[in-house]
Amino acid sequence: MTEQAFMQRAVALALEKMRANSGGPFGAVIVRNGAIIAEGWNEVTSSNDPTAHAEIVAIRRACALLGVFNLLDCDIYTSCEPCPMCLSAIYWARLRCIYYANTRLEASKIGFDDEFIYNEVARTPELRKIPHIRLLTEDAQAAFKEWAARPEKIRY
């Protein structure tokens, strides 16, 4: 398959699953070695999960299929420029390349405006709209200390 065909599949998923009332108009595919290994579409409203964006769903399925927590040798094709959450997940999954069709500005024009979140992420916690309050307990650092000293930890 070609890059164009992979993108066409992501776009087709967006349309097909939106028409089936699975969620918003977004689709994504994960590609490895020239083949689609996982597909995802927006399932926010059908699963009552605000994190079930197409890219997140596709990443979860690809990782489960491969039995890994990173996708170093994979690319993602998504029908729209990833939102801040999906972009973060893509970086955490260490995908090699992001291909997208629609832009975040185009998504904004149909009611999916993430600019507020992009701006909030750039602010320091105390300046964000949702209050961020640091609340320490006596053992708040215990897990961190044990992790740092643990020789058999799996880094990610």
N, C-alpha and C. Protein backbone atom coordinates (compact mmCIF):
# COMPACT_ATOMS: atom_id res chain seq x y z
N MET A 1 0.84 -1.19 0.00
CA MET A 1 0.00 0.00 0.00
C MET A 1 0.88 1.25 0.00
N THR A 2 0.31 2.33 -0.45
CA THR A 2 1.03 3.60 -0.51
C THR A 2 0.64 4.50 0.66
N GLU A 3 1.42 5.56 0.86
CA GLU A 3 1.08 6.54 1.90
C GLU A 3 -0.33 7.08 1.65
N GLN A 4 -0.65 7.34 0.40
CA GLN A 4 -1.97 7.86 0.04
C GLN A 4 -3.06 6.86 0.43
N ALA A 5 -2.82 5.58 0.23
CA ALA A 5 -3.81 4.55 0.57
C ALA A 5 -3.98 4.44 2.09
N PHE A 6 -2.90 4.57 2.84
CA PHE A 6 -3.01 4.54 4.30
C PHE A 6 -3.85 5.72 4.79
N MET A 7 -3.59 6.90 4.23
CA MET A 7 -4.36 8.07 4.62
C MET A 7 -5.81 7.92 4.21
N GLN A 8 -6.03 7.37 3.04
CA GLN A 8 -7.41 7.17 2.59
C GLN A 8 -8.16 6.26 3.55
N ARG A 9 -7.48 5.25 4.09
CA ARG A 9 -8.13 4.35 5.06
C ARG A 9 -8.49 5.10 6.34
N ALA A 10 -7.60 5.96 6.83
CA ALA A 10 -7.89 6.75 8.03
C ALA A 10 -9.09 7.65 7.79
N VAL A 11 -9.15 8.28 6.63
CA VAL A 11 -10.25 9.17 6.28
C VAL A 11 -11.55 8.37 6.14
N ALA A 12 -11.48 7.20 5.51
CA ALA A 12 -12.66 6.35 5.35
C ALA A 12 -13.20 5.89 6.70
N LEU A 13 -12.29 5.54 7.63
CA LEU A 13 -12.72 5.15 8.98
C LEU A 13 -13.47 6.29 9.66
N ALA A 14 -12.95 7.50 9.52
CA ALA A 14 -13.59 8.66 10.14
C ALA A 14 -15.03 8.80 9.65
N LEU A 15 -15.22 8.72 8.36
CA LEU A 15 -16.55 8.87 7.78
C LEU A 15 -17.47 7.71 8.15
N GLU A 16 -16.96 6.50 7.99
CA GLU A 16 -17.76 5.30 8.27
C GLU A 16 -18.22 5.25 9.73
N LYS A 17 -17.30 5.47 10.66
CA LYS A 17 -17.64 5.34 12.07
C LYS A 17 -18.45 6.52 12.58
N MET A 18 -18.26 7.72 12.00
CA MET A 18 -19.10 8.87 12.34
C MET A 18 -20.53 8.59 11.91
N ARG A 19 -20.68 8.07 10.70
CA ARG A 19 -22.03 7.75 10.20
C ARG A 19 -22.70 6.67 11.05
N ALA A 20 -21.92 5.80 11.66
CA ALA A 20 -22.45 4.74 12.52
C ALA A 20 -22.66 5.23 13.96
N ASN A 21 -22.46 6.52 14.18
CA ASN A 21 -22.62 7.12 15.51
C ASN A 21 -21.66 6.55 16.55
N SER A 22 -20.47 6.19 16.11
CA SER A 22 -19.45 5.70 17.05
C SER A 22 -18.74 6.84 17.75
N GLY A 23 -18.78 8.04 17.17
CA GLY A 23 -18.10 9.19 17.75
C GLY A 23 -17.89 10.27 16.71
N GLY A 24 -16.92 11.13 16.98
CA GLY A 24 -16.63 12.24 16.08
C GLY A 24 -15.97 11.79 14.78
N PRO A 25 -15.77 12.73 13.86
CA PRO A 25 -15.29 12.42 12.51
C PRO A 25 -13.77 12.27 12.42
N PHE A 26 -13.23 11.30 13.14
CA PHE A 26 -11.78 11.12 13.17
C PHE A 26 -11.43 9.64 13.04
N GLY A 27 -10.39 9.35 12.24
CA GLY A 27 -9.90 7.99 12.07
C GLY A 27 -8.39 7.98 12.03
N ALA A 28 -7.81 6.84 12.39
CA ALA A 28 -6.35 6.71 12.39
C ALA A 28 -5.95 5.27 12.14
N VAL A 29 -4.80 5.09 11.51
CA VAL A 29 -4.23 3.76 11.32
C VAL A 29 -2.76 3.79 11.70
N ILE A 30 -2.29 2.68 12.24
CA ILE A 30 -0.88 2.50 12.56
C ILE A 30 -0.30 1.57 11.51
N VAL A 31 0.83 1.98 10.93
CA VAL A 31 1.46 1.22 9.85
C VAL A 31 2.85 0.77 10.28
N ARG A 32 3.13 -0.50 10.01
CA ARG A 32 4.44 -1.08 10.30
C ARG A 32 4.86 -1.93 9.11
N ASN A 33 6.05 -1.73 8.64
CA ASN A 33 6.58 -2.51 7.51
C ASN A 33 5.64 -2.52 6.31
N GLY A 34 5.06 -1.37 6.02
CA GLY A 34 4.22 -1.25 4.83
C GLY A 34 2.83 -1.83 4.94
N ALA A 35 2.37 -2.15 6.16
CA ALA A 35 1.04 -2.73 6.32
C ALA A 35 0.34 -2.11 7.53
N ILE A 36 -0.98 -1.98 7.44
CA ILE A 36 -1.76 -1.49 8.58
C ILE A 36 -1.83 -2.59 9.62
N ILE A 37 -1.41 -2.28 10.84
CA ILE A 37 -1.47 -3.27 11.92
C ILE A 37 -2.57 -2.94 12.94
N ALA A 38 -3.06 -1.70 12.93
CA ALA A 38 -4.13 -1.34 13.86
C ALA A 38 -4.90 -0.15 13.31
N GLU A 39 -6.18 -0.13 13.63
CA GLU A 39 -7.03 0.97 13.23
C GLU A 39 -7.72 1.53 14.47
N GLY A 40 -8.05 2.80 14.41
CA GLY A 40 -8.79 3.42 15.49
C GLY A 40 -9.69 4.50 14.93
N TRP A 41 -10.76 4.74 15.62
CA TRP A 41 -11.67 5.82 15.26
C TRP A 41 -12.17 6.43 16.55
N ASN A 42 -12.72 7.60 16.46
CA ASN A 42 -13.18 8.29 17.64
C ASN A 42 -14.34 7.51 18.27
N GLU A 43 -14.17 7.12 19.53
CA GLU A 43 -15.18 6.36 20.27
C GLU A 43 -15.60 7.10 21.54
N VAL A 44 -15.38 8.40 21.57
CA VAL A 44 -15.66 9.18 22.78
C VAL A 44 -17.10 9.02 23.23
N THR A 45 -18.05 9.27 22.34
CA THR A 45 -19.45 9.24 22.74
C THR A 45 -20.02 7.82 22.82
N SER A 46 -19.49 6.91 22.04
CA SER A 46 -20.02 5.54 22.07
C SER A 46 -19.48 4.73 23.24
N SER A 47 -18.34 5.14 23.80
CA SER A 47 -17.76 4.41 24.94
C SER A 47 -17.78 5.25 26.22
N ASN A 48 -18.28 6.47 26.12
CA ASN A 48 -18.27 7.40 27.27
C ASN A 48 -16.88 7.54 27.86
N ASP A 49 -15.91 7.67 26.96
CA ASP A 49 -14.51 7.79 27.36
C ASP A 49 -13.90 9.00 26.65
N PRO A 50 -13.65 10.09 27.38
CA PRO A 50 -13.11 11.29 26.73
C PRO A 50 -11.71 11.10 26.15
N THR A 51 -11.03 10.02 26.51
CA THR A 51 -9.70 9.76 25.96
C THR A 51 -9.75 8.85 24.73
N ALA A 52 -10.91 8.41 24.32
CA ALA A 52 -11.02 7.44 23.21
C ALA A 52 -10.99 8.14 21.86
N HIS A 53 -9.97 8.94 21.64
CA HIS A 53 -9.76 9.58 20.34
C HIS A 53 -9.18 8.53 19.38
N ALA A 54 -9.32 8.76 18.10
CA ALA A 54 -8.89 7.79 17.09
C ALA A 54 -7.43 7.37 17.26
N GLU A 55 -6.55 8.34 17.49
CA GLU A 55 -5.13 8.03 17.61
C GLU A 55 -4.85 7.19 18.86
N ILE A 56 -5.49 7.53 19.96
CA ILE A 56 -5.30 6.78 21.21
C ILE A 56 -5.77 5.35 21.04
N VAL A 57 -6.96 5.19 20.45
CA VAL A 57 -7.52 3.85 20.23
C VAL A 57 -6.58 3.04 19.33
N ALA A 58 -6.08 3.63 18.26
CA ALA A 58 -5.17 2.92 17.35
C ALA A 58 -3.87 2.54 18.06
N ILE A 59 -3.33 3.45 18.86
CA ILE A 59 -2.09 3.16 19.60
C ILE A 59 -2.32 2.00 20.57
N ARG A 60 -3.42 2.03 21.30
CA ARG A 60 -3.73 0.94 22.25
C ARG A 60 -3.82 -0.40 21.54
N ARG A 61 -4.50 -0.41 20.41
CA ARG A 61 -4.66 -1.66 19.66
C ARG A 61 -3.32 -2.16 19.10
N ALA A 62 -2.51 -1.25 18.59
CA ALA A 62 -1.21 -1.65 18.03
C ALA A 62 -0.31 -2.21 19.13
N CYS A 63 -0.26 -1.54 20.26
CA CYS A 63 0.58 -2.01 21.37
C CYS A 63 0.11 -3.36 21.88
N ALA A 64 -1.20 -3.54 21.99
CA ALA A 64 -1.74 -4.83 22.45
C ALA A 64 -1.39 -5.94 21.45
N LEU A 65 -1.54 -5.66 20.17
CA LEU A 65 -1.24 -6.64 19.13
C LEU A 65 0.23 -7.06 19.17
N LEU A 66 1.12 -6.07 19.31
CA LEU A 66 2.55 -6.36 19.28
C LEU A 66 3.12 -6.75 20.65
N GLY A 67 2.36 -6.53 21.71
CA GLY A 67 2.85 -6.85 23.05
C GLY A 67 3.98 -5.94 23.50
N VAL A 68 3.89 -4.65 23.13
CA VAL A 68 4.93 -3.67 23.45
C VAL A 68 4.28 -2.40 23.96
N PHE A 69 5.09 -1.53 24.56
CA PHE A 69 4.56 -0.23 24.99
C PHE A 69 5.12 0.92 24.18
N ASN A 70 5.89 0.60 23.15
CA ASN A 70 6.32 1.65 22.23
C ASN A 70 6.26 1.12 20.80
N LEU A 71 6.14 2.05 19.88
CA LEU A 71 5.95 1.71 18.47
C LEU A 71 7.02 2.37 17.62
N LEU A 72 8.26 2.10 17.99
CA LEU A 72 9.42 2.76 17.38
C LEU A 72 9.50 2.62 15.86
N ASP A 73 9.04 1.49 15.34
CA ASP A 73 9.15 1.25 13.90
C ASP A 73 7.81 1.39 13.18
N CYS A 74 6.93 2.21 13.76
CA CYS A 74 5.60 2.41 13.19
C CYS A 74 5.35 3.88 12.88
N ASP A 75 4.43 4.10 11.95
CA ASP A 75 3.96 5.44 11.60
C ASP A 75 2.47 5.50 11.87
N ILE A 76 1.96 6.71 12.06
CA ILE A 76 0.52 6.89 12.24
C ILE A 76 -0.01 7.79 11.13
N TYR A 77 -1.13 7.40 10.59
CA TYR A 77 -1.86 8.17 9.59
C TYR A 77 -3.18 8.53 10.24
N THR A 78 -3.46 9.81 10.33
CA THR A 78 -4.66 10.25 11.02
C THR A 78 -5.41 11.28 10.18
N SER A 79 -6.71 11.22 10.26
CA SER A 79 -7.53 12.08 9.41
C SER A 79 -7.45 13.55 9.81
N CYS A 80 -6.88 13.84 10.98
CA CYS A 80 -6.75 15.23 11.42
C CYS A 80 -5.49 15.40 12.25
N GLU A 81 -4.92 16.58 12.20
CA GLU A 81 -3.77 16.91 13.05
C GLU A 81 -4.10 16.55 14.49
N PRO A 82 -3.25 15.81 15.16
CA PRO A 82 -3.56 15.34 16.52
C PRO A 82 -3.77 16.48 17.52
N CYS A 83 -4.73 16.26 18.42
CA CYS A 83 -4.97 17.20 19.52
C CYS A 83 -3.80 17.08 20.51
N PRO A 84 -3.73 17.93 21.51
CA PRO A 84 -2.62 17.86 22.47
C PRO A 84 -2.51 16.50 23.18
N MET A 85 -3.64 15.89 23.54
CA MET A 85 -3.60 14.59 24.21
C MET A 85 -3.03 13.52 23.27
N CYS A 86 -3.54 13.50 22.05
CA CYS A 86 -3.08 12.49 21.08
C CYS A 86 -1.63 12.72 20.70
N LEU A 87 -1.24 13.97 20.55
CA LEU A 87 0.15 14.28 20.24
C LEU A 87 1.06 13.76 21.35
N SER A 88 0.66 13.97 22.59
CA SER A 88 1.44 13.45 23.72
C SER A 88 1.54 11.93 23.67
N ALA A 89 0.42 11.27 23.41
CA ALA A 89 0.42 9.80 23.34
C ALA A 89 1.32 9.31 22.21
N ILE A 90 1.31 10.01 21.09
CA ILE A 90 2.17 9.64 19.96
C ILE A 90 3.63 9.74 20.37
N TYR A 91 3.98 10.81 21.08
CA TYR A 91 5.36 10.94 21.56
C TYR A 91 5.69 9.85 22.58
N TRP A 92 4.78 9.56 23.52
CA TRP A 92 5.03 8.51 24.50
C TRP A 92 5.19 7.16 23.82
N ALA A 93 4.41 6.91 22.76
CA ALA A 93 4.52 5.64 22.04
C ALA A 93 5.72 5.61 21.11
N ARG A 94 6.35 6.76 20.93
CA ARG A 94 7.55 6.90 20.12
C ARG A 94 7.34 6.47 18.67
N LEU A 95 6.19 6.85 18.13
CA LEU A 95 5.94 6.60 16.72
C LEU A 95 6.95 7.37 15.89
N ARG A 96 7.27 6.83 14.75
CA ARG A 96 8.33 7.37 13.91
C ARG A 96 7.91 8.61 13.15
N CYS A 97 6.65 8.64 12.66
CA CYS A 97 6.21 9.75 11.82
C CYS A 97 4.70 9.91 11.94
N ILE A 98 4.23 11.15 11.86
CA ILE A 98 2.80 11.47 11.87
C ILE A 98 2.42 12.01 10.50
N TYR A 99 1.44 11.38 9.88
CA TYR A 99 0.86 11.88 8.65
C TYR A 99 -0.57 12.30 8.99
N TYR A 100 -0.99 13.48 8.58
CA TYR A 100 -2.35 13.92 8.89
C TYR A 100 -2.97 14.60 7.68
N ALA A 101 -4.30 14.58 7.63
CA ALA A 101 -5.02 15.18 6.51
C ALA A 101 -5.50 16.58 6.88
N ASN A 102 -6.53 16.67 7.72
CA ASN A 102 -7.09 17.96 8.09
C ASN A 102 -6.25 18.62 9.18
N THR A 103 -6.30 19.95 9.23
CA THR A 103 -5.54 20.69 10.23
C THR A 103 -6.39 20.96 11.47
N ARG A 104 -5.72 21.38 12.54
CA ARG A 104 -6.46 21.71 13.76
C ARG A 104 -7.33 22.95 13.56
N LEU A 105 -6.95 23.83 12.66
CA LEU A 105 -7.78 24.99 12.34
C LEU A 105 -9.08 24.54 11.65
N GLU A 106 -8.96 23.59 10.75
CA GLU A 106 -10.16 23.06 10.08
C GLU A 106 -11.05 22.33 11.08
N ALA A 107 -10.46 21.62 12.03
CA ALA A 107 -11.25 20.95 13.07
C ALA A 107 -11.96 21.97 13.95
N SER A 108 -11.27 23.06 14.23
CA SER A 108 -11.85 24.13 15.04
C SER A 108 -13.11 24.69 14.39
N LYS A 109 -13.10 24.79 13.09
CA LYS A 109 -14.24 25.37 12.35
C LYS A 109 -15.49 24.50 12.43
N ILE A 110 -15.35 23.22 12.78
CA ILE A 110 -16.53 22.35 12.92
C ILE A 110 -16.79 22.00 14.39
N GLY A 111 -16.18 22.76 15.30
CA GLY A 111 -16.50 22.60 16.71
C GLY A 111 -15.50 21.85 17.56
N PHE A 112 -14.38 21.46 17.00
CA PHE A 112 -13.34 20.74 17.75
C PHE A 112 -12.14 21.67 17.93
N ASP A 113 -12.28 22.63 18.82
CA ASP A 113 -11.25 23.64 19.03
C ASP A 113 -10.39 23.29 20.23
N ASP A 114 -9.14 22.96 19.99
CA ASP A 114 -8.21 22.58 21.06
C ASP A 114 -7.25 23.70 21.43
N GLU A 115 -7.43 24.87 20.85
CA GLU A 115 -6.49 25.97 21.10
C GLU A 115 -6.39 26.29 22.59
N PHE A 116 -7.52 26.23 23.29
CA PHE A 116 -7.52 26.48 24.73
C PHE A 116 -6.57 25.52 25.44
N ILE A 117 -6.59 24.25 25.05
CA ILE A 117 -5.73 23.25 25.70
C ILE A 117 -4.27 23.49 25.34
N TYR A 118 -4.01 23.78 24.07
CA TYR A 118 -2.63 24.11 23.68
C TYR A 118 -2.10 25.25 24.54
N ASN A 119 -2.91 26.28 24.74
CA ASN A 119 -2.50 27.43 25.56
C ASN A 119 -2.32 27.05 27.03
N GLU A 120 -3.22 26.23 27.56
CA GLU A 120 -3.14 25.83 28.95
C GLU A 120 -1.88 25.02 29.25
N VAL A 121 -1.53 24.11 28.35
CA VAL A 121 -0.34 23.27 28.54
C VAL A 121 0.92 24.13 28.64
N ALA A 122 0.94 25.23 27.91
CA ALA A 122 2.12 26.10 27.92
C ALA A 122 2.24 26.94 29.19
N ARG A 123 1.16 27.06 29.94
CA ARG A 123 1.19 27.87 31.17
C ARG A 123 1.79 27.09 32.34
N THR A 124 2.29 27.81 33.33
CA THR A 124 2.72 27.16 34.56
C THR A 124 1.47 26.72 35.32
N PRO A 125 1.55 25.65 36.11
CA PRO A 125 0.36 25.11 36.78
C PRO A 125 -0.47 26.15 37.53
N GLU A 126 0.18 27.07 38.21
CA GLU A 126 -0.59 28.04 39.00
C GLU A 126 -1.37 29.05 38.15
N LEU A 127 -1.09 29.13 36.86
CA LEU A 127 -1.78 30.07 35.98
C LEU A 127 -2.86 29.40 35.12
N ARG A 128 -3.06 28.11 35.28
CA ARG A 128 -4.05 27.41 34.47
C ARG A 128 -5.46 27.65 34.98
N LYS A 129 -6.45 27.49 34.09
CA LYS A 129 -7.86 27.74 34.43
C LYS A 129 -8.39 26.75 35.46
N ILE A 130 -8.02 25.48 35.33
CA ILE A 130 -8.40 24.50 36.35
C ILE A 130 -7.35 24.59 37.45
N PRO A 131 -7.76 24.85 38.69
CA PRO A 131 -6.77 25.02 39.76
C PRO A 131 -5.87 23.79 39.92
N HIS A 132 -4.60 24.06 40.07
CA HIS A 132 -3.59 23.03 40.34
C HIS A 132 -3.05 23.30 41.73
N ILE A 133 -3.28 22.39 42.64
CA ILE A 133 -2.87 22.59 44.02
C ILE A 133 -1.97 21.44 44.43
N ARG A 134 -0.75 21.75 44.77
CA ARG A 134 0.18 20.71 45.23
C ARG A 134 -0.18 20.35 46.66
N LEU A 135 -0.38 19.06 46.90
CA LEU A 135 -0.76 18.58 48.21
C LEU A 135 0.09 17.36 48.55
N LEU A 136 1.11 17.57 49.34
CA LEU A 136 2.05 16.51 49.69
C LEU A 136 1.56 15.71 50.89
N THR A 137 1.93 14.46 50.90
CA THR A 137 1.73 13.62 52.08
C THR A 137 3.11 13.19 52.56
N GLU A 138 3.14 12.60 53.72
CA GLU A 138 4.42 12.18 54.30
C GLU A 138 5.18 11.20 53.41
N ASP A 139 4.44 10.35 52.72
CA ASP A 139 5.08 9.32 51.89
C ASP A 139 4.93 9.58 50.39
N ALA A 140 4.66 10.82 50.02
CA ALA A 140 4.44 11.15 48.61
C ALA A 140 5.62 10.75 47.71
N GLN A 141 6.82 10.81 48.22
CA GLN A 141 8.02 10.51 47.44
C GLN A 141 8.46 9.04 47.53
N ALA A 142 7.77 8.24 48.32
CA ALA A 142 8.21 6.85 48.55
C ALA A 142 8.32 6.04 47.25
N ALA A 143 7.29 6.08 46.43
CA ALA A 143 7.33 5.30 45.18
C ALA A 143 8.43 5.82 44.25
N PHE A 144 8.62 7.14 44.22
CA PHE A 144 9.68 7.72 43.39
C PHE A 144 11.06 7.25 43.86
N LYS A 145 11.26 7.26 45.15
CA LYS A 145 12.56 6.84 45.71
C LYS A 145 12.82 5.36 45.42
N GLU A 146 11.81 4.54 45.61
CA GLU A 146 11.98 3.11 45.33
C GLU A 146 12.24 2.87 43.85
N TRP A 147 11.52 3.59 43.00
CA TRP A 147 11.73 3.45 41.55
C TRP A 147 13.16 3.82 41.17
N ALA A 148 13.64 4.93 41.69
CA ALA A 148 14.98 5.41 41.36
C ALA A 148 16.05 4.40 41.80
N ALA A 149 15.81 3.68 42.90
CA ALA A 149 16.79 2.72 43.42
C ALA A 149 16.62 1.32 42.82
N ARG A 150 15.57 1.07 42.11
CA ARG A 150 15.24 -0.26 41.59
C ARG A 150 16.10 -0.62 40.38
N PRO A 151 16.99 -1.61 40.52
CA PRO A 151 17.86 -1.95 39.39
C PRO A 151 17.13 -2.65 38.24
N GLU A 152 16.04 -3.35 38.52
CA GLU A 152 15.37 -4.14 37.47
C GLU A 152 14.23 -3.37 36.79
N LYS A 153 14.15 -2.06 36.97
CA LYS A 153 13.06 -1.30 36.37
C LYS A 153 13.15 -1.31 34.85
N ILE A 154 11.99 -1.22 34.24
CA ILE A 154 11.90 -1.14 32.78
C ILE A 154 11.66 0.32 32.44
N ARG A 155 12.65 0.92 31.80
CA ARG A 155 12.55 2.34 31.45
C ARG A 155 11.66 2.51 30.22
N TYR A 156 10.96 3.61 30.22
CA TYR A 156 10.13 3.95 29.06
C TYR A 156 10.10 5.42 28.79
